[in-house]
C-alpha cells in the first residue's frame, strides 16, 4: 500500500473517530486509491442515503463533495484539511439506490499556501457521470507540522520532513 493511501486512510479514520457528521452519514465510505492530488473512493448506498423517491439524496452528494474534497487535500500530506469557503454540486443523472455502489474520484485542481481547489466526480453503477462538485478550502492555518507529511511525486514513499 502506498504511503499516500495509508496517510489518507488515517485522516479518514480521524474523521470517523470524531463520531460526527461523516460517521453518521457514510461510515461505510471506502478509500481505494490515493496519490498526491487524487483520490478514488466508493460508497455502498444504504436506505438512509435515499431521498423520498428512492434514489441517492442530493444532500449526500453535497456532503460527499465536502468530505472527499477534504480528503483530496489530505493526499498532499495535510492532516488538517482546512475549512470550506465555497462548495457546489451539479446533478446529472440518478446516482443509484439501496445496495448500489456509488464511485467517486476527487482531484485537487490547484493548491497554494492559502487555498486548495478540488473537483469530485460521482459515477452511478452503470458508470455514468451522476454528479460533479467543486470545493474550495482555506488551508493556510491548517498547517500541522506534527502530523503533516511529504510524499514522493507518485505517493508511494513518505519523504523526510
C-alpha atoms as a PDB file:
ATOM      1  CA  UNK A   1       0.000   0.000   0.000  1.00  0.00           C
ATOM      2  CA  UNK A   2       1.352   3.433  -0.908  1.00  0.00           C
ATOM      3  CA  UNK A   3       2.348   5.919   1.790  1.00  0.00           C
ATOM      4  CA  UNK A   4      -0.211   8.402   0.432  1.00  0.00           C
ATOM      5  CA  UNK A   5      -3.057   5.880   0.634  1.00  0.00           C
ATOM      6  CA  UNK A   6      -2.042   4.844   4.147  1.00  0.00           C
ATOM      7  CA  UNK A   7      -1.906   8.506   5.282  1.00  0.00           C
ATOM      8  CA  UNK A   8      -5.207   9.449   3.631  1.00  0.00           C
ATOM      9  CA  UNK A   9      -6.942   6.489   5.276  1.00  0.00           C
ATOM     10  CA  UNK A  10      -5.515   7.675   8.619  1.00  0.00           C
ATOM     11  CA  UNK A  11      -7.018  11.127   8.015  1.00  0.00           C
ATOM     12  CA  UNK A  12     -10.361   9.490   7.119  1.00  0.00           C
ATOM     13  CA  UNK A  13     -10.187   7.445  10.329  1.00  0.00           C
ATOM     14  CA  UNK A  14      -9.771  10.686  12.282  1.00  0.00           C
ATOM     15  CA  UNK A  15     -12.996  11.955  10.656  1.00  0.00           C
ATOM     16  CA  UNK A  16     -14.819   8.794  11.787  1.00  0.00           C
ATOM     17  CA  UNK A  17     -13.296   8.772  15.279  1.00  0.00           C
ATOM     18  CA  UNK A  18     -14.890  12.169  15.874  1.00  0.00           C
ATOM     19  CA  UNK A  19     -18.305  10.388  15.636  1.00  0.00           C
ATOM     20  CA  UNK A  20     -19.753  13.447  13.893  1.00  0.00           C
ATOM     21  CA  UNK A  21     -21.431  14.045  10.546  1.00  0.00           C
ATOM     22  CA  UNK A  22     -19.232  11.761   8.422  1.00  0.00           C
ATOM     23  CA  UNK A  23     -19.639   8.875  10.864  1.00  0.00           C
ATOM     24  CA  UNK A  24     -23.418   9.313  10.872  1.00  0.00           C
ATOM     25  CA  UNK A  25     -23.907   9.778   7.114  1.00  0.00           C
ATOM     26  CA  UNK A  26     -21.398   7.491   5.424  1.00  0.00           C
ATOM     27  CA  UNK A  27     -19.395   5.330   7.823  1.00  0.00           C
ATOM     28  CA  UNK A  28     -19.006   2.727   5.064  1.00  0.00           C
ATOM     29  CA  UNK A  29     -17.088   5.026   2.702  1.00  0.00           C
ATOM     30  CA  UNK A  30     -14.060   3.127   1.367  1.00  0.00           C
ATOM     31  CA  UNK A  31     -10.896   4.737   0.036  1.00  0.00           C
ATOM     32  CA  UNK A  32      -9.345   2.530  -2.633  1.00  0.00           C
ATOM     33  CA  UNK A  33      -6.562   4.674  -4.083  1.00  0.00           C
ATOM     34  CA  UNK A  34      -4.731   7.867  -3.248  1.00  0.00           C
ATOM     35  CA  UNK A  35      -1.776   9.663  -4.740  1.00  0.00           C
ATOM     36  CA  UNK A  36      -0.885  13.341  -4.431  1.00  0.00           C
ATOM     37  CA  UNK A  37      -3.852  15.251  -5.833  1.00  0.00           C
ATOM     38  CA  UNK A  38      -6.085  12.223  -6.495  1.00  0.00           C
ATOM     39  CA  UNK A  39      -8.451  10.030  -4.510  1.00  0.00           C
ATOM     40  CA  UNK A  40     -10.709   7.134  -5.548  1.00  0.00           C
ATOM     41  CA  UNK A  41     -13.488   6.051  -3.178  1.00  0.00           C
ATOM     42  CA  UNK A  42     -16.746   4.119  -3.149  1.00  0.00           C
ATOM     43  CA  UNK A  43     -19.847   4.138  -1.016  1.00  0.00           C
ATOM     44  CA  UNK A  44     -22.410   1.347  -0.755  1.00  0.00           C
ATOM     45  CA  UNK A  45     -25.758   3.108  -0.756  1.00  0.00           C
ATOM     46  CA  UNK A  46     -27.866   2.462   2.338  1.00  0.00           C
ATOM     47  CA  UNK A  47     -31.586   3.198   2.855  1.00  0.00           C
ATOM     48  CA  UNK A  48     -30.732   6.267   4.951  1.00  0.00           C
ATOM     49  CA  UNK A  49     -28.856   7.731   1.936  1.00  0.00           C
ATOM     50  CA  UNK A  50     -32.031   7.994  -0.163  1.00  0.00           C
ATOM     51  CA  UNK A  51     -34.488  10.756  -0.923  1.00  0.00           C
ATOM     52  CA  UNK A  52     -38.255  10.229  -0.863  1.00  0.00           C
ATOM     53  CA  UNK A  53     -38.317   8.859  -4.435  1.00  0.00           C
ATOM     54  CA  UNK A  54     -35.818   6.119  -3.615  1.00  0.00           C
ATOM     55  CA  UNK A  55     -32.637   7.449  -5.194  1.00  0.00           C
ATOM     56  CA  UNK A  56     -29.464   8.872  -3.665  1.00  0.00           C
ATOM     57  CA  UNK A  57     -30.259  12.140  -1.879  1.00  0.00           C
ATOM     58  CA  UNK A  58     -28.621  15.254  -3.307  1.00  0.00           C
ATOM     59  CA  UNK A  59     -27.578  16.243   0.209  1.00  0.00           C
ATOM     60  CA  UNK A  60     -25.480  13.072   0.410  1.00  0.00           C
ATOM     61  CA  UNK A  61     -23.695  14.031  -2.812  1.00  0.00           C
ATOM     62  CA  UNK A  62     -23.108  17.570  -1.469  1.00  0.00           C
ATOM     63  CA  UNK A  63     -21.784  16.207   1.796  1.00  0.00           C
ATOM     64  CA  UNK A  64     -19.511  13.761  -0.017  1.00  0.00           C
ATOM     65  CA  UNK A  65     -18.239  16.644  -2.167  1.00  0.00           C
ATOM     66  CA  UNK A  66     -17.173  18.343   1.064  1.00  0.00           C
ATOM     67  CA  UNK A  67     -15.591  15.270   2.651  1.00  0.00           C
ATOM     68  CA  UNK A  68     -13.907  13.907  -0.471  1.00  0.00           C
ATOM     69  CA  UNK A  69     -12.616  17.362  -1.398  1.00  0.00           C
ATOM     70  CA  UNK A  70     -11.069  17.493   2.069  1.00  0.00           C
ATOM     71  CA  UNK A  71      -9.545  14.031   1.665  1.00  0.00           C
ATOM     72  CA  UNK A  72      -8.146  15.057  -1.725  1.00  0.00           C
ATOM     73  CA  UNK A  73      -6.340  17.871   0.127  1.00  0.00           C
ATOM     74  CA  UNK A  74      -5.058  15.224   2.556  1.00  0.00           C
ATOM     75  CA  UNK A  75      -3.380  13.431  -0.369  1.00  0.00           C
ATOM     76  CA  UNK A  76      -0.944  16.351  -0.387  1.00  0.00           C
ATOM     77  CA  UNK A  77       0.153  15.402   3.128  1.00  0.00           C
ATOM     78  CA  UNK A  78      -2.150  17.749   5.048  1.00  0.00           C
ATOM     79  CA  UNK A  79      -3.553  16.078   8.175  1.00  0.00           C
ATOM     80  CA  UNK A  80      -5.759  19.075   8.918  1.00  0.00           C
ATOM     81  CA  UNK A  81      -7.565  19.857   5.683  1.00  0.00           C
ATOM     82  CA  UNK A  82      -8.731  23.413   6.348  1.00  0.00           C
ATOM     83  CA  UNK A  83     -12.207  24.893   6.200  1.00  0.00           C
ATOM     84  CA  UNK A  84     -14.657  25.255   3.336  1.00  0.00           C
ATOM     85  CA  UNK A  85     -15.063  28.636   1.665  1.00  0.00           C
ATOM     86  CA  UNK A  86     -17.071  27.535  -1.382  1.00  0.00           C
ATOM     87  CA  UNK A  87     -18.801  24.339  -2.389  1.00  0.00           C
ATOM     88  CA  UNK A  88     -21.234  23.375  -5.112  1.00  0.00           C
ATOM     89  CA  UNK A  89     -22.570  20.358  -6.940  1.00  0.00           C
ATOM     90  CA  UNK A  90     -24.315  19.765 -10.245  1.00  0.00           C
ATOM     91  CA  UNK A  91     -26.574  16.731 -10.625  1.00  0.00           C
ATOM     92  CA  UNK A  92     -26.577  14.969 -13.983  1.00  0.00           C
ATOM     93  CA  UNK A  93     -28.249  11.548 -13.574  1.00  0.00           C
ATOM     94  CA  UNK A  94     -29.629   9.420 -10.741  1.00  0.00           C
ATOM     95  CA  UNK A  95     -26.741   8.162  -8.608  1.00  0.00           C
ATOM     96  CA  UNK A  96     -28.312   4.875  -7.543  1.00  0.00           C
ATOM     97  CA  UNK A  97     -30.477   3.294  -4.869  1.00  0.00           C
ATOM     98  CA  UNK A  98     -30.140   0.935  -1.913  1.00  0.00           C
ATOM     99  CA  UNK A  99     -27.402  -1.653  -2.391  1.00  0.00           C
ATOM    100  CA  UNK A 100     -25.778   0.143  -5.317  1.00  0.00           C
ATOM    101  CA  UNK A 101     -22.172   1.292  -5.177  1.00  0.00           C
ATOM    102  CA  UNK A 102     -21.507   4.963  -5.847  1.00  0.00           C
ATOM    103  CA  UNK A 103     -17.998   5.656  -7.161  1.00  0.00           C
ATOM    104  CA  UNK A 104     -16.184   8.947  -6.632  1.00  0.00           C
ATOM    105  CA  UNK A 105     -12.971  10.398  -7.999  1.00  0.00           C
ATOM    106  CA  UNK A 106     -11.676  13.518  -6.260  1.00  0.00           C
ATOM    107  CA  UNK A 107      -8.863  15.665  -7.632  1.00  0.00           C
ATOM    108  CA  UNK A 108      -7.024  18.718  -6.416  1.00  0.00           C
ATOM    109  CA  UNK A 109      -7.183  21.118  -9.347  1.00  0.00           C
ATOM    110  CA  UNK A 110      -4.911  23.689  -7.670  1.00  0.00           C
ATOM    111  CA  UNK A 111      -3.265  24.157  -4.298  1.00  0.00           C
ATOM    112  CA  UNK A 112      -1.348  27.084  -2.886  1.00  0.00           C
ATOM    113  CA  UNK A 113      -0.357  28.437   0.517  1.00  0.00           C
ATOM    114  CA  UNK A 114      -3.826  29.602   1.483  1.00  0.00           C
ATOM    115  CA  UNK A 115      -6.367  27.923  -0.829  1.00  0.00           C
ATOM    116  CA  UNK A 116      -6.962  24.484  -2.296  1.00  0.00           C
ATOM    117  CA  UNK A 117      -9.439  23.830  -5.123  1.00  0.00           C
ATOM    118  CA  UNK A 118     -10.934  20.395  -5.689  1.00  0.00           C
ATOM    119  CA  UNK A 119     -13.343  18.635  -8.028  1.00  0.00           C
ATOM    120  CA  UNK A 120     -15.262  15.460  -7.250  1.00  0.00           C
ATOM    121  CA  UNK A 121     -16.894  13.343  -9.961  1.00  0.00           C
ATOM    122  CA  UNK A 122     -19.555  10.794  -8.971  1.00  0.00           C
ATOM    123  CA  UNK A 123     -20.452   7.747 -11.066  1.00  0.00           C
ATOM    124  CA  UNK A 124     -23.551   5.590 -10.766  1.00  0.00           C
ATOM    125  CA  UNK A 125     -23.421   1.761 -11.011  1.00  0.00           C
ATOM    126  CA  UNK A 126     -23.740   1.999 -14.814  1.00  0.00           C
ATOM    127  CA  UNK A 127     -20.507   4.029 -14.900  1.00  0.00           C
ATOM    128  CA  UNK A 128     -22.354   7.185 -15.931  1.00  0.00           C
ATOM    129  CA  UNK A 129     -21.431  10.583 -14.542  1.00  0.00           C
ATOM    130  CA  UNK A 130     -24.171  11.167 -11.952  1.00  0.00           C
ATOM    131  CA  UNK A 131     -22.917  14.421 -10.428  1.00  0.00           C
ATOM    132  CA  UNK A 132     -19.845  16.589 -10.088  1.00  0.00           C
ATOM    133  CA  UNK A 133     -18.867  19.025  -7.412  1.00  0.00           C
ATOM    134  CA  UNK A 134     -16.298  21.674  -6.649  1.00  0.00           C
ATOM    135  CA  UNK A 135     -14.885  22.540  -3.255  1.00  0.00           C
ATOM    136  CA  UNK A 136     -12.581  25.381  -2.218  1.00  0.00           C
ATOM    137  CA  UNK A 137     -10.765  25.092   1.114  1.00  0.00           C
ATOM    138  CA  UNK A 138      -8.872  27.678   3.156  1.00  0.00           C
ATOM    139  CA  UNK A 139      -5.758  25.774   4.250  1.00  0.00           C
ATOM    140  CA  UNK A 140      -3.275  28.451   5.376  1.00  0.00           C
ATOM    141  CA  UNK A 141      -3.968  27.998   9.089  1.00  0.00           C
ATOM    142  CA  UNK A 142      -4.291  24.213   8.832  1.00  0.00           C
ATOM    143  CA  UNK A 143      -0.550  23.573   8.864  1.00  0.00           C
ATOM    144  CA  UNK A 144       0.220  20.806  11.377  1.00  0.00           C
ATOM    145  CA  UNK A 145       3.998  20.162  11.500  1.00  0.00           C
ATOM    146  CA  UNK A 146       3.496  17.275  13.912  1.00  0.00           C
ATOM    147  CA  UNK A 147       1.177  15.324  11.577  1.00  0.00           C
ATOM    148  CA  UNK A 148       1.748  16.703   8.058  1.00  0.00           C
ATOM    149  CA  UNK A 149       3.913  14.645   5.715  1.00  0.00           C
ATOM    150  CA  UNK A 150       5.543  14.917   2.292  1.00  0.00           C
ATOM    151  CA  UNK A 151       5.281  12.274  -0.413  1.00  0.00           C
ATOM    152  CA  UNK A 152       7.234  11.336  -3.492  1.00  0.00           C
ATOM    153  CA  UNK A 153       5.532  12.542  -6.682  1.00  0.00           C
ATOM    154  CA  UNK A 154       3.806   9.159  -7.142  1.00  0.00           C
ATOM    155  CA  UNK A 155       2.759   8.966  -3.480  1.00  0.00           C
ATOM    156  CA  UNK A 156       4.477   5.643  -2.952  1.00  0.00           C
ATOM    157  CA  UNK A 157       7.022   6.906  -0.417  1.00  0.00           C
ATOM    158  CA  UNK A 158       6.893   9.270   2.524  1.00  0.00           C
ATOM    159  CA  UNK A 159       9.825  11.676   2.367  1.00  0.00           C
ATOM    160  CA  UNK A 160      11.640  13.011   5.395  1.00  0.00           C
ATOM    161  CA  UNK A 161      10.439  16.422   6.572  1.00  0.00           C
END
